[in-house]
Amino acid sequence: LGKDRTLELSYDQLNSSKGLTFTSELADLSECNF
């Protein structure tokens, strides 16, 4: 939702990182190689 409780990043910074997606499901990393 664009909220960083650590205050390191703003909503705009998170929102503009277009290639970044988030997950808590390990299975979502199955296609990753790095």
PDB file of all heavy atoms in Angstrom:
ATOM      1  N   LEU A   1       0.816  -1.215   0.000  1.00  0.00           N
ATOM      2  CA  LEU A   1       0.000   0.000   0.000  1.00  0.00           C
ATOM      3  C   LEU A   1       0.849   1.265   0.000  1.00  0.00           C
ATOM      4  O   LEU A   1       0.336   2.372   0.091  1.00  0.00           O
ATOM      5  CB  LEU A   1      -0.931   0.002   1.222  1.00  0.00           C
ATOM      6  CG  LEU A   1      -1.995  -1.111   1.268  1.00  0.00           C
ATOM      7  CD1 LEU A   1      -2.714  -1.098   2.615  1.00  0.00           C
ATOM      8  CD2 LEU A   1      -2.979  -0.964   0.122  1.00  0.00           C
ATOM      9  N   GLY A   2       2.177   1.089  -0.062  1.00  0.00           N
ATOM     10  CA  GLY A   2       3.077   2.234  -0.105  1.00  0.00           C
ATOM     11  C   GLY A   2       3.443   2.804   1.244  1.00  0.00           C
ATOM     12  O   GLY A   2       3.933   3.936   1.333  1.00  0.00           O
ATOM     13  N   LYS A   3       3.250   2.018   2.315  1.00  0.00           N
ATOM     14  CA  LYS A   3       3.547   2.498   3.664  1.00  0.00           C
ATOM     15  C   LYS A   3       4.769   1.787   4.222  1.00  0.00           C
ATOM     16  O   LYS A   3       4.793   0.567   4.333  1.00  0.00           O
ATOM     17  CB  LYS A   3       2.347   2.257   4.592  1.00  0.00           C
ATOM     18  CG  LYS A   3       2.589   2.717   6.020  1.00  0.00           C
ATOM     19  CD  LYS A   3       1.417   2.375   6.924  1.00  0.00           C
ATOM     20  CE  LYS A   3       1.712   2.789   8.374  1.00  0.00           C
ATOM     21  NZ  LYS A   3       0.588   2.416   9.297  1.00  0.00           N
ATOM     22  N   ASP A   4       5.793   2.558   4.586  1.00  0.00           N
ATOM     23  CA  ASP A   4       7.015   2.021   5.191  1.00  0.00           C
ATOM     24  C   ASP A   4       7.109   2.505   6.629  1.00  0.00           C
ATOM     25  O   ASP A   4       7.420   3.659   6.890  1.00  0.00           O
ATOM     26  CB  ASP A   4       8.251   2.452   4.404  1.00  0.00           C
ATOM     27  CG  ASP A   4       9.549   2.047   5.084  1.00  0.00           C
ATOM     28  OD1 ASP A   4       9.546   1.072   5.860  1.00  0.00           O
ATOM     29  OD2 ASP A   4      10.576   2.717   4.845  1.00  0.00           O
ATOM     30  N   ARG A   5       6.851   1.600   7.576  1.00  0.00           N
ATOM     31  CA  ARG A   5       6.846   1.983   8.985  1.00  0.00           C
ATOM     32  C   ARG A   5       8.239   2.382   9.497  1.00  0.00           C
ATOM     33  O   ARG A   5       8.356   3.028  10.530  1.00  0.00           O
ATOM     34  CB  ARG A   5       6.271   0.851   9.838  1.00  0.00           C
ATOM     35  CG  ARG A   5       7.171  -0.342   9.994  1.00  0.00           C
ATOM     36  CD  ARG A   5       6.612  -1.366  10.959  1.00  0.00           C
ATOM     37  NE  ARG A   5       5.586  -2.188  10.328  1.00  0.00           N
ATOM     38  CZ  ARG A   5       5.552  -3.529  10.436  1.00  0.00           C
ATOM     39  NH1 ARG A   5       6.495  -4.177  11.128  1.00  0.00           N
ATOM     40  NH2 ARG A   5       4.604  -4.240   9.838  1.00  0.00           N
ATOM     41  N   THR A   6       9.306   1.983   8.785  1.00  0.00           N
ATOM     42  CA  THR A   6      10.655   2.372   9.195  1.00  0.00           C
ATOM     43  C   THR A   6      10.980   3.814   8.824  1.00  0.00           C
ATOM     44  O   THR A   6      11.999   4.353   9.266  1.00  0.00           O
ATOM     45  CB  THR A   6      11.717   1.454   8.559  1.00  0.00           C
ATOM     46  OG1 THR A   6      11.797   1.689   7.147  1.00  0.00           O
ATOM     47  CG2 THR A   6      11.392  -0.008   8.827  1.00  0.00           C
ATOM     48  N   LEU A   7      10.153   4.413   7.989  1.00  0.00           N
ATOM     49  CA  LEU A   7      10.309   5.792   7.526  1.00  0.00           C
ATOM     50  C   LEU A   7      11.539   6.002   6.655  1.00  0.00           C
ATOM     51  O   LEU A   7      11.968   7.132   6.425  1.00  0.00           O
ATOM     52  CB  LEU A   7      10.343   6.778   8.714  1.00  0.00           C
ATOM     53  CG  LEU A   7       9.159   6.705   9.698  1.00  0.00           C
ATOM     54  CD1 LEU A   7       9.328   7.745  10.794  1.00  0.00           C
ATOM     55  CD2 LEU A   7       7.834   6.864   8.984  1.00  0.00           C
ATOM     56  N   GLU A   8      12.118   4.923   6.166  1.00  0.00           N
ATOM     57  CA  GLU A   8      13.266   5.049   5.280  1.00  0.00           C
ATOM     58  C   GLU A   8      12.850   5.526   3.895  1.00  0.00           C
ATOM     59  O   GLU A   8      13.581   6.243   3.223  1.00  0.00           O
ATOM     60  CB  GLU A   8      13.997   3.700   5.175  1.00  0.00           C
ATOM     61  CG  GLU A   8      14.750   3.274   6.424  1.00  0.00           C
ATOM     62  CD  GLU A   8      15.863   4.217   6.803  1.00  0.00           C
ATOM     63  OE1 GLU A   8      16.771   4.444   5.968  1.00  0.00           O
ATOM     64  OE2 GLU A   8      15.830   4.771   7.922  1.00  0.00           O
ATOM     65  N   LEU A   9      11.652   5.102   3.470  1.00  0.00           N
ATOM     66  CA  LEU A   9      11.184   5.445   2.137  1.00  0.00           C
ATOM     67  C   LEU A   9       9.784   6.053   2.195  1.00  0.00           C
ATOM     68  O   LEU A   9       8.950   5.668   3.007  1.00  0.00           O
ATOM     69  CB  LEU A   9      11.155   4.204   1.249  1.00  0.00           C
ATOM     70  CG  LEU A   9      12.508   3.532   0.976  1.00  0.00           C
ATOM     71  CD1 LEU A   9      12.299   2.253   0.192  1.00  0.00           C
ATOM     72  CD2 LEU A   9      13.454   4.470   0.237  1.00  0.00           C
ATOM     73  N   SER A  10       9.544   6.993   1.301  1.00  0.00           N
ATOM     74  CA  SER A  10       8.241   7.639   1.217  1.00  0.00           C
ATOM     75  C   SER A  10       7.301   6.834   0.321  1.00  0.00           C
ATOM     76  O   SER A  10       7.720   5.925  -0.396  1.00  0.00           O
ATOM     77  CB  SER A  10       8.394   9.059   0.658  1.00  0.00           C
ATOM     78  OG  SER A  10       8.828   9.005  -0.698  1.00  0.00           O
ATOM     79  N   TYR A  11       6.037   7.216   0.349  1.00  0.00           N
ATOM     80  CA  TYR A  11       5.053   6.601  -0.529  1.00  0.00           C
ATOM     81  C   TYR A  11       5.458   6.761  -1.995  1.00  0.00           C
ATOM     82  O   TYR A  11       5.368   5.812  -2.784  1.00  0.00           O
ATOM     83  CB  TYR A  11       3.682   7.229  -0.288  1.00  0.00           C
ATOM     84  CG  TYR A  11       2.614   6.758  -1.262  1.00  0.00           C
ATOM     85  CD1 TYR A  11       1.887   5.601  -1.018  1.00  0.00           C
ATOM     86  CD2 TYR A  11       2.348   7.484  -2.426  1.00  0.00           C
ATOM     87  CE1 TYR A  11       0.915   5.166  -1.923  1.00  0.00           C
ATOM     88  CE2 TYR A  11       1.384   7.061  -3.322  1.00  0.00           C
ATOM     89  CZ  TYR A  11       0.674   5.905  -3.067  1.00  0.00           C
ATOM     90  OH  TYR A  11      -0.280   5.474  -3.962  1.00  0.00           O
ATOM     91  N   ASP A  12       5.911   7.954  -2.364  1.00  0.00           N
ATOM     92  CA  ASP A  12       6.294   8.223  -3.756  1.00  0.00           C
ATOM     93  C   ASP A  12       7.483   7.363  -4.187  1.00  0.00           C
ATOM     94  O   ASP A  12       7.535   6.885  -5.323  1.00  0.00           O
ATOM     95  CB  ASP A  12       6.625   9.700  -3.939  1.00  0.00           C
ATOM     96  CG  ASP A  12       5.392  10.586  -3.873  1.00  0.00           C
ATOM     97  OD1 ASP A  12       4.265  10.050  -4.056  1.00  0.00           O
ATOM     98  OD2 ASP A  12       5.538  11.800  -3.634  1.00  0.00           O
ATOM     99  N   GLN A  13       8.450   7.189  -3.287  1.00  0.00           N
ATOM    100  CA  GLN A  13       9.610   6.364  -3.615  1.00  0.00           C
ATOM    101  C   GLN A  13       9.202   4.919  -3.877  1.00  0.00           C
ATOM    102  O   GLN A  13       9.654   4.287  -4.835  1.00  0.00           O
ATOM    103  CB  GLN A  13      10.647   6.427  -2.487  1.00  0.00           C
ATOM    104  CG  GLN A  13      11.417   7.730  -2.426  1.00  0.00           C
ATOM    105  CD  GLN A  13      12.323   7.804  -1.209  1.00  0.00           C
ATOM    106  OE1 GLN A  13      11.867   7.653  -0.061  1.00  0.00           O
ATOM    107  NE2 GLN A  13      13.613   8.005  -1.452  1.00  0.00           N
ATOM    108  N   LEU A  14       8.352   4.383  -2.994  1.00  0.00           N
ATOM    109  CA  LEU A  14       7.891   3.011  -3.169  1.00  0.00           C
ATOM    110  C   LEU A  14       7.040   2.868  -4.422  1.00  0.00           C
ATOM    111  O   LEU A  14       7.181   1.914  -5.189  1.00  0.00           O
ATOM    112  CB  LEU A  14       7.088   2.565  -1.942  1.00  0.00           C
ATOM    113  CG  LEU A  14       7.891   2.247  -0.674  1.00  0.00           C
ATOM    114  CD1 LEU A  14       6.956   2.020   0.501  1.00  0.00           C
ATOM    115  CD2 LEU A  14       8.763   1.016  -0.893  1.00  0.00           C
ATOM    116  N   ASN A  15       6.176   3.814  -4.638  1.00  0.00           N
ATOM    117  CA  ASN A  15       5.240   3.750  -5.755  1.00  0.00           C
ATOM    118  C   ASN A  15       5.939   3.868  -7.104  1.00  0.00           C
ATOM    119  O   ASN A  15       5.478   3.324  -8.110  1.00  0.00           O
ATOM    120  CB  ASN A  15       4.183   4.848  -5.616  1.00  0.00           C
ATOM    121  CG  ASN A  15       2.985   4.621  -6.517  1.00  0.00           C
ATOM    122  OD1 ASN A  15       2.429   3.534  -6.555  1.00  0.00           O
ATOM    123  ND2 ASN A  15       2.581   5.654  -7.241  1.00  0.00           N
ATOM    124  N   SER A  16       7.065   4.597  -7.127  1.00  0.00           N
ATOM    125  CA  SER A  16       7.784   4.805  -8.386  1.00  0.00           C
ATOM    126  C   SER A  16       8.735   3.659  -8.729  1.00  0.00           C
ATOM    127  O   SER A  16       9.300   3.626  -9.823  1.00  0.00           O
ATOM    128  CB  SER A  16       8.556   6.127  -8.341  1.00  0.00           C
ATOM    129  OG  SER A  16       9.486   6.144  -7.283  1.00  0.00           O
ATOM    130  N   SER A  17       8.912   2.737  -7.793  1.00  0.00           N
ATOM    131  CA  SER A  17       9.733   1.558  -8.059  1.00  0.00           C
ATOM    132  C   SER A  17       8.861   0.514  -8.764  1.00  0.00           C
ATOM    133  O   SER A  17       8.397  -0.457  -8.168  1.00  0.00           O
ATOM    134  CB  SER A  17      10.309   1.004  -6.751  1.00  0.00           C
ATOM    135  OG  SER A  17      11.186  -0.083  -6.995  1.00  0.00           O
ATOM    136  N   LYS A  18       8.669   0.712 -10.042  1.00  0.00           N
ATOM    137  CA  LYS A  18       7.666  -0.037 -10.801  1.00  0.00           C
ATOM    138  C   LYS A  18       7.968  -1.526 -10.923  1.00  0.00           C
ATOM    139  O   LYS A  18       7.058  -2.336 -11.071  1.00  0.00           O
ATOM    140  CB  LYS A  18       7.519   0.570 -12.206  1.00  0.00           C
ATOM    141  CG  LYS A  18       7.089   2.040 -12.206  1.00  0.00           C
ATOM    142  CD  LYS A  18       5.727   2.230 -11.556  1.00  0.00           C
ATOM    143  CE  LYS A  18       5.267   3.678 -11.645  1.00  0.00           C
ATOM    144  NZ  LYS A  18       3.945   3.879 -10.964  1.00  0.00           N
ATOM    145  N   GLY A  19       9.239  -1.897 -10.857  1.00  0.00           N
ATOM    146  CA  GLY A  19       9.588  -3.303 -11.004  1.00  0.00           C
ATOM    147  C   GLY A  19       9.501  -4.115  -9.720  1.00  0.00           C
ATOM    148  O   GLY A  19       9.681  -5.333  -9.742  1.00  0.00           O
ATOM    149  N   LEU A  20       9.207  -3.442  -8.599  1.00  0.00           N
ATOM    150  CA  LEU A  20       9.220  -4.097  -7.290  1.00  0.00           C
ATOM    151  C   LEU A  20       7.832  -4.587  -6.901  1.00  0.00           C
ATOM    152  O   LEU A  20       6.869  -3.821  -6.904  1.00  0.00           O
ATOM    153  CB  LEU A  20       9.747  -3.128  -6.226  1.00  0.00           C
ATOM    154  CG  LEU A  20       9.735  -3.602  -4.768  1.00  0.00           C
ATOM    155  CD1 LEU A  20      10.549  -4.872  -4.585  1.00  0.00           C
ATOM    156  CD2 LEU A  20      10.237  -2.493  -3.841  1.00  0.00           C
ATOM    157  N   THR A  21       7.741  -5.852  -6.570  1.00  0.00           N
ATOM    158  CA  THR A  21       6.524  -6.432  -6.018  1.00  0.00           C
ATOM    159  C   THR A  21       6.848  -7.095  -4.686  1.00  0.00           C
ATOM    160  O   THR A  21       7.998  -7.458  -4.426  1.00  0.00           O
ATOM    161  CB  THR A  21       5.900  -7.463  -6.968  1.00  0.00           C
ATOM    162  OG1 THR A  21       6.873  -8.497  -7.251  1.00  0.00           O
ATOM    163  CG2 THR A  21       5.454  -6.814  -8.259  1.00  0.00           C
ATOM    164  N   PHE A  22       5.829  -7.265  -3.849  1.00  0.00           N
ATOM    165  CA  PHE A  22       6.036  -7.787  -2.504  1.00  0.00           C
ATOM    166  C   PHE A  22       5.253  -9.077  -2.294  1.00  0.00           C
ATOM    167  O   PHE A  22       4.160  -9.253  -2.839  1.00  0.00           O
ATOM    168  CB  PHE A  22       5.594  -6.755  -1.461  1.00  0.00           C
ATOM    169  CG  PHE A  22       6.315  -5.440  -1.551  1.00  0.00           C
ATOM    170  CD1 PHE A  22       5.688  -4.324  -2.094  1.00  0.00           C
ATOM    171  CD2 PHE A  22       7.617  -5.323  -1.107  1.00  0.00           C
ATOM    172  CE1 PHE A  22       6.340  -3.107  -2.178  1.00  0.00           C
ATOM    173  CE2 PHE A  22       8.292  -4.111  -1.195  1.00  0.00           C
ATOM    174  CZ  PHE A  22       7.651  -3.010  -1.728  1.00  0.00           C
ATOM    175  N   THR A  23       5.832  -9.951  -1.469  1.00  0.00           N
ATOM    176  CA  THR A  23       5.153 -11.197  -1.143  1.00  0.00           C
ATOM    177  C   THR A  23       5.638 -11.744   0.192  1.00  0.00           C
ATOM    178  O   THR A  23       6.769 -11.480   0.602  1.00  0.00           O
ATOM    179  CB  THR A  23       5.365 -12.259  -2.242  1.00  0.00           C
ATOM    180  OG1 THR A  23       4.576 -13.417  -1.935  1.00  0.00           O
ATOM    181  CG2 THR A  23       6.844 -12.674  -2.319  1.00  0.00           C
ATOM    182  N   SER A  24       4.772 -12.512   0.839  1.00  0.00           N
ATOM    183  CA  SER A  24       5.162 -13.268   2.025  1.00  0.00           C
ATOM    184  C   SER A  24       5.058 -14.767   1.753  1.00  0.00           C
ATOM    185  O   SER A  24       5.156 -15.578   2.674  1.00  0.00           O
ATOM    186  CB  SER A  24       4.272 -12.887   3.219  1.00  0.00           C
ATOM    187  OG  SER A  24       2.889 -13.114   2.923  1.00  0.00           O
ATOM    188  N   GLU A  25       4.852 -15.122   0.482  1.00  0.00           N
ATOM    189  CA  GLU A  25       4.734 -16.519   0.064  1.00  0.00           C
ATOM    190  C   GLU A  25       6.035 -16.970  -0.590  1.00  0.00           C
ATOM    191  O   GLU A  25       6.423 -16.463  -1.645  1.00  0.00           O
ATOM    192  CB  GLU A  25       3.570 -16.696  -0.905  1.00  0.00           C
ATOM    193  CG  GLU A  25       2.203 -16.342  -0.330  1.00  0.00           C
ATOM    194  CD  GLU A  25       1.785 -17.284   0.777  1.00  0.00           C
ATOM    195  OE1 GLU A  25       2.199 -18.469   0.731  1.00  0.00           O
ATOM    196  OE2 GLU A  25       1.045 -16.846   1.681  1.00  0.00           O
ATOM    197  N   LEU A  26       6.708 -17.928   0.012  1.00  0.00           N
ATOM    198  CA  LEU A  26       7.984 -18.414  -0.505  1.00  0.00           C
ATOM    199  C   LEU A  26       7.850 -18.970  -1.921  1.00  0.00           C
ATOM    200  O   LEU A  26       8.762 -18.822  -2.741  1.00  0.00           O
ATOM    201  CB  LEU A  26       8.552 -19.478   0.436  1.00  0.00           C
ATOM    202  CG  LEU A  26       9.954 -19.999   0.123  1.00  0.00           C
ATOM    203  CD1 LEU A  26      10.983 -18.872   0.218  1.00  0.00           C
ATOM    204  CD2 LEU A  26      10.330 -21.133   1.086  1.00  0.00           C
ATOM    205  N   ALA A  27       6.731 -19.586  -2.200  1.00  0.00           N
ATOM    206  CA  ALA A  27       6.515 -20.180  -3.518  1.00  0.00           C
ATOM    207  C   ALA A  27       6.615 -19.158  -4.645  1.00  0.00           C
ATOM    208  O   ALA A  27       6.945 -19.511  -5.787  1.00  0.00           O
ATOM    209  CB  ALA A  27       5.149 -20.873  -3.564  1.00  0.00           C
ATOM    210  N   ASP A  28       6.354 -17.884  -4.328  1.00  0.00           N
ATOM    211  CA  ASP A  28       6.424 -16.832  -5.342  1.00  0.00           C
ATOM    212  C   ASP A  28       7.850 -16.577  -5.823  1.00  0.00           C
ATOM    213  O   ASP A  28       8.056 -15.879  -6.817  1.00  0.00           O
ATOM    214  CB  ASP A  28       5.824 -15.535  -4.801  1.00  0.00           C
ATOM    215  CG  ASP A  28       4.316 -15.617  -4.595  1.00  0.00           C
ATOM    216  OD1 ASP A  28       3.688 -16.499  -5.215  1.00  0.00           O
ATOM    217  OD2 ASP A  28       3.768 -14.821  -3.806  1.00  0.00           O
ATOM    218  N   LEU A  29       8.843 -17.138  -5.112  1.00  0.00           N
ATOM    219  CA  LEU A  29      10.242 -16.947  -5.485  1.00  0.00           C
ATOM    220  C   LEU A  29      10.787 -18.108  -6.318  1.00  0.00           C
ATOM    221  O   LEU A  29      11.977 -18.127  -6.637  1.00  0.00           O
ATOM    222  CB  LEU A  29      11.117 -16.790  -4.227  1.00  0.00           C
ATOM    223  CG  LEU A  29      10.697 -15.749  -3.185  1.00  0.00           C
ATOM    224  CD1 LEU A  29      11.753 -15.664  -2.086  1.00  0.00           C
ATOM    225  CD2 LEU A  29      10.467 -14.401  -3.806  1.00  0.00           C
ATOM    226  N   SER A  30       9.928 -19.056  -6.662  1.00  0.00           N
ATOM    227  CA  SER A  30      10.395 -20.295  -7.295  1.00  0.00           C
ATOM    228  C   SER A  30      11.073 -20.061  -8.644  1.00  0.00           C
ATOM    229  O   SER A  30      11.931 -20.850  -9.057  1.00  0.00           O
ATOM    230  CB  SER A  30       9.221 -21.271  -7.461  1.00  0.00           C
ATOM    231  OG  SER A  30       8.192 -20.687  -8.258  1.00  0.00           O
ATOM    232  N   GLU A  31      10.701 -19.005  -9.341  1.00  0.00           N
ATOM    233  CA  GLU A  31      11.297 -18.721 -10.644  1.00  0.00           C
ATOM    234  C   GLU A  31      12.540 -17.838 -10.551  1.00  0.00           C
ATOM    235  O   GLU A  31      13.218 -17.599 -11.553  1.00  0.00           O
ATOM    236  CB  GLU A  31      10.259 -18.051 -11.561  1.00  0.00           C
ATOM    237  CG  GLU A  31       9.046 -18.914 -11.872  1.00  0.00           C
ATOM    238  CD  GLU A  31       9.423 -20.220 -12.548  1.00  0.00           C
ATOM    239  OE1 GLU A  31      10.255 -20.188 -13.498  1.00  0.00           O
ATOM    240  OE2 GLU A  31       8.906 -21.279 -12.137  1.00  0.00           O
ATOM    241  N   CYS A  32      12.855 -17.354  -9.368  1.00  0.00           N
ATOM    242  CA  CYS A  32      14.033 -16.507  -9.187  1.00  0.00           C
ATOM    243  C   CYS A  32      15.300 -17.343  -9.219  1.00  0.00           C
ATOM    244  O   CYS A  32      15.306 -18.510  -8.809  1.00  0.00           O
ATOM    245  CB  CYS A  32      13.936 -15.741  -7.869  1.00  0.00           C
ATOM    246  SG  CYS A  32      12.552 -14.564  -7.796  1.00  0.00           S
ATOM    247  N   ASN A  33      16.387 -16.727  -9.664  1.00  0.00           N
ATOM    248  CA  ASN A  33      17.673 -17.438  -9.724  1.00  0.00           C
ATOM    249  C   ASN A  33      18.804 -16.677  -9.037  1.00  0.00           C
ATOM    250  O   ASN A  33      19.950 -17.117  -9.034  1.00  0.00           O
ATOM    251  CB  ASN A  33      18.064 -17.746 -11.165  1.00  0.00           C
ATOM    252  CG  ASN A  33      18.122 -16.502 -12.046  1.00  0.00           C
ATOM    253  OD1 ASN A  33      18.095 -15.368 -11.562  1.00  0.00           O
ATOM    254  ND2 ASN A  33      18.198 -16.722 -13.365  1.00  0.00           N
ATOM    255  N   PHE A  34      18.465 -15.525  -8.470  1.00  0.00           N
ATOM    256  CA  PHE A  34      19.445 -14.710  -7.761  1.00  0.00           C
ATOM    257  C   PHE A  34      18.765 -14.172  -6.497  1.00  0.00           C
ATOM    258  O   PHE A  34      17.781 -13.454  -6.579  1.00  0.00           O
ATOM    259  CB  PHE A  34      19.915 -13.556  -8.663  1.00  0.00           C
ATOM    260  CG  PHE A  34      21.191 -12.890  -8.225  1.00  0.00           C
ATOM    261  CD1 PHE A  34      22.335 -13.006  -9.001  1.00  0.00           C
ATOM    262  CD2 PHE A  34      21.271 -12.152  -7.062  1.00  0.00           C
ATOM    263  CE1 PHE A  34      23.526 -12.398  -8.626  1.00  0.00           C
ATOM    264  CE2 PHE A  34      22.453 -11.540  -6.669  1.00  0.00           C
ATOM    265  CZ  PHE A  34      23.586 -11.662  -7.454  1.00  0.00           C
TER     266      PHE A  34
END
